[in-house]
Protein backbone atom coordinates (compact mmCIF):
# COMPACT_ATOMS: atom_id res chain seq x y z
CA MET A 1 -161.88 75.38 -99.65
CA ASP A 2 -163.78 72.11 -99.80
CA VAL A 3 -160.62 70.07 -99.19
CA VAL A 4 -159.52 72.25 -96.28
CA LEU A 5 -162.90 71.87 -94.55
CA LYS A 6 -162.79 68.11 -95.02
CA ILE A 7 -159.31 67.94 -93.49
CA ILE A 8 -160.45 70.01 -90.51
CA LEU A 9 -163.48 67.71 -90.16
CA VAL A 10 -161.22 64.65 -90.06
CA VAL A 11 -159.04 66.31 -87.40
CA PHE A 12 -162.13 67.10 -85.31
CA SER A 13 -163.42 63.54 -85.66
CA LEU A 14 -160.09 61.99 -84.65
CA GLY A 15 -159.85 64.38 -81.71
CA LEU A 16 -163.37 63.50 -80.62
CA ILE A 17 -162.61 59.78 -80.80
CA ALA A 18 -159.41 60.22 -78.78
CA VAL A 19 -161.08 62.33 -76.07
CA VAL A 20 -163.97 59.89 -75.68
CA LEU A 21 -161.56 56.96 -75.37
CA LEU A 22 -159.53 58.83 -72.72
CA GLN A 23 -162.54 59.19 -70.45
CA LYS A 24 -163.22 56.52 -67.91
CA GLY A 25 -166.57 54.80 -67.59
CA LYS A 26 -169.09 56.02 -65.04
CA SER A 27 -169.79 52.60 -63.56
CA ALA A 28 -168.36 49.14 -63.99
CA GLY A 29 -170.99 46.83 -62.57
CA LEU A 30 -171.11 46.19 -58.83
CA SER A 31 -167.62 47.56 -58.17
CA GLY A 32 -168.58 50.81 -59.88
CA ALA A 33 -171.68 51.10 -57.73
CA ILE A 34 -169.69 50.59 -54.55
CA SER A 35 -166.92 53.01 -55.45
CA GLY A 36 -169.47 55.51 -56.75
CA GLY A 37 -171.20 55.46 -53.37
CA ALA A 38 -167.90 55.95 -51.58
CA GLU A 39 -167.00 58.86 -53.85
CA HIS A 40 -170.37 60.44 -53.13
CA LEU A 41 -169.92 60.00 -49.38
CA PHE A 42 -166.28 61.06 -49.05
CA GLY A 43 -165.92 63.24 -52.13
CA LYS A 44 -163.90 62.57 -55.22
CA THR A 45 -160.44 63.94 -54.65
CA LYS A 46 -158.43 62.40 -57.43
CA ALA A 47 -158.48 63.46 -61.09
CA ARG A 48 -161.58 65.64 -60.85
CA GLY A 49 -159.95 68.44 -62.84
CA ILE A 50 -158.95 66.12 -65.66
CA ASP A 51 -162.43 64.59 -65.85
CA LEU A 52 -164.01 68.03 -66.04
CA PHE A 53 -161.52 69.16 -68.70
CA LEU A 54 -162.14 66.05 -70.82
CA GLN A 55 -165.90 66.49 -70.48
CA ARG A 56 -165.77 70.10 -71.65
CA LEU A 57 -163.35 69.24 -74.45
CA THR A 58 -165.71 66.49 -75.62
CA ILE A 59 -168.61 68.92 -75.73
CA GLY A 60 -166.56 71.48 -77.66
CA LEU A 61 -165.30 68.94 -80.18
CA ALA A 62 -168.78 67.48 -80.65
CA VAL A 63 -170.29 70.91 -81.35
CA GLY A 64 -167.45 71.74 -83.74
CA PHE A 65 -167.85 68.39 -85.49
CA PHE A 66 -171.58 68.93 -85.92
CA ILE A 67 -171.20 72.45 -87.30
CA LEU A 68 -168.36 71.43 -89.64
CA SER A 69 -170.42 68.50 -90.89
CA LEU A 70 -173.25 70.85 -91.84
CA VAL A 71 -170.85 73.29 -93.54
CA VAL A 72 -169.13 70.54 -95.52
CA ALA A 73 -172.46 69.08 -96.55
CA TYR A 74 -173.58 72.51 -97.75
CA PHE A 75 -170.44 73.06 -99.84
CA VAL A 76 -170.52 69.55 -101.33
CA LYS A 77 -174.13 70.01 -102.34
CA ASN A 78 -173.42 73.30 -104.17
């Protein structure tokens, strides 16, 4: 059981790394500030669904990673 939980933890950690790297940055200096203002004024039409999906997936993977870390730590200790 210990080995299975560790494998699942590694899968969660690799998934979390991949999802974070797939997200784009919120601002990139002055050009990010300009485009961010334009998006606020005209609305963001492109790739909003993907950004929202990646954000929710990141939250889910982070919560799963945290819980699995506590469970693995408990089983390793005992």
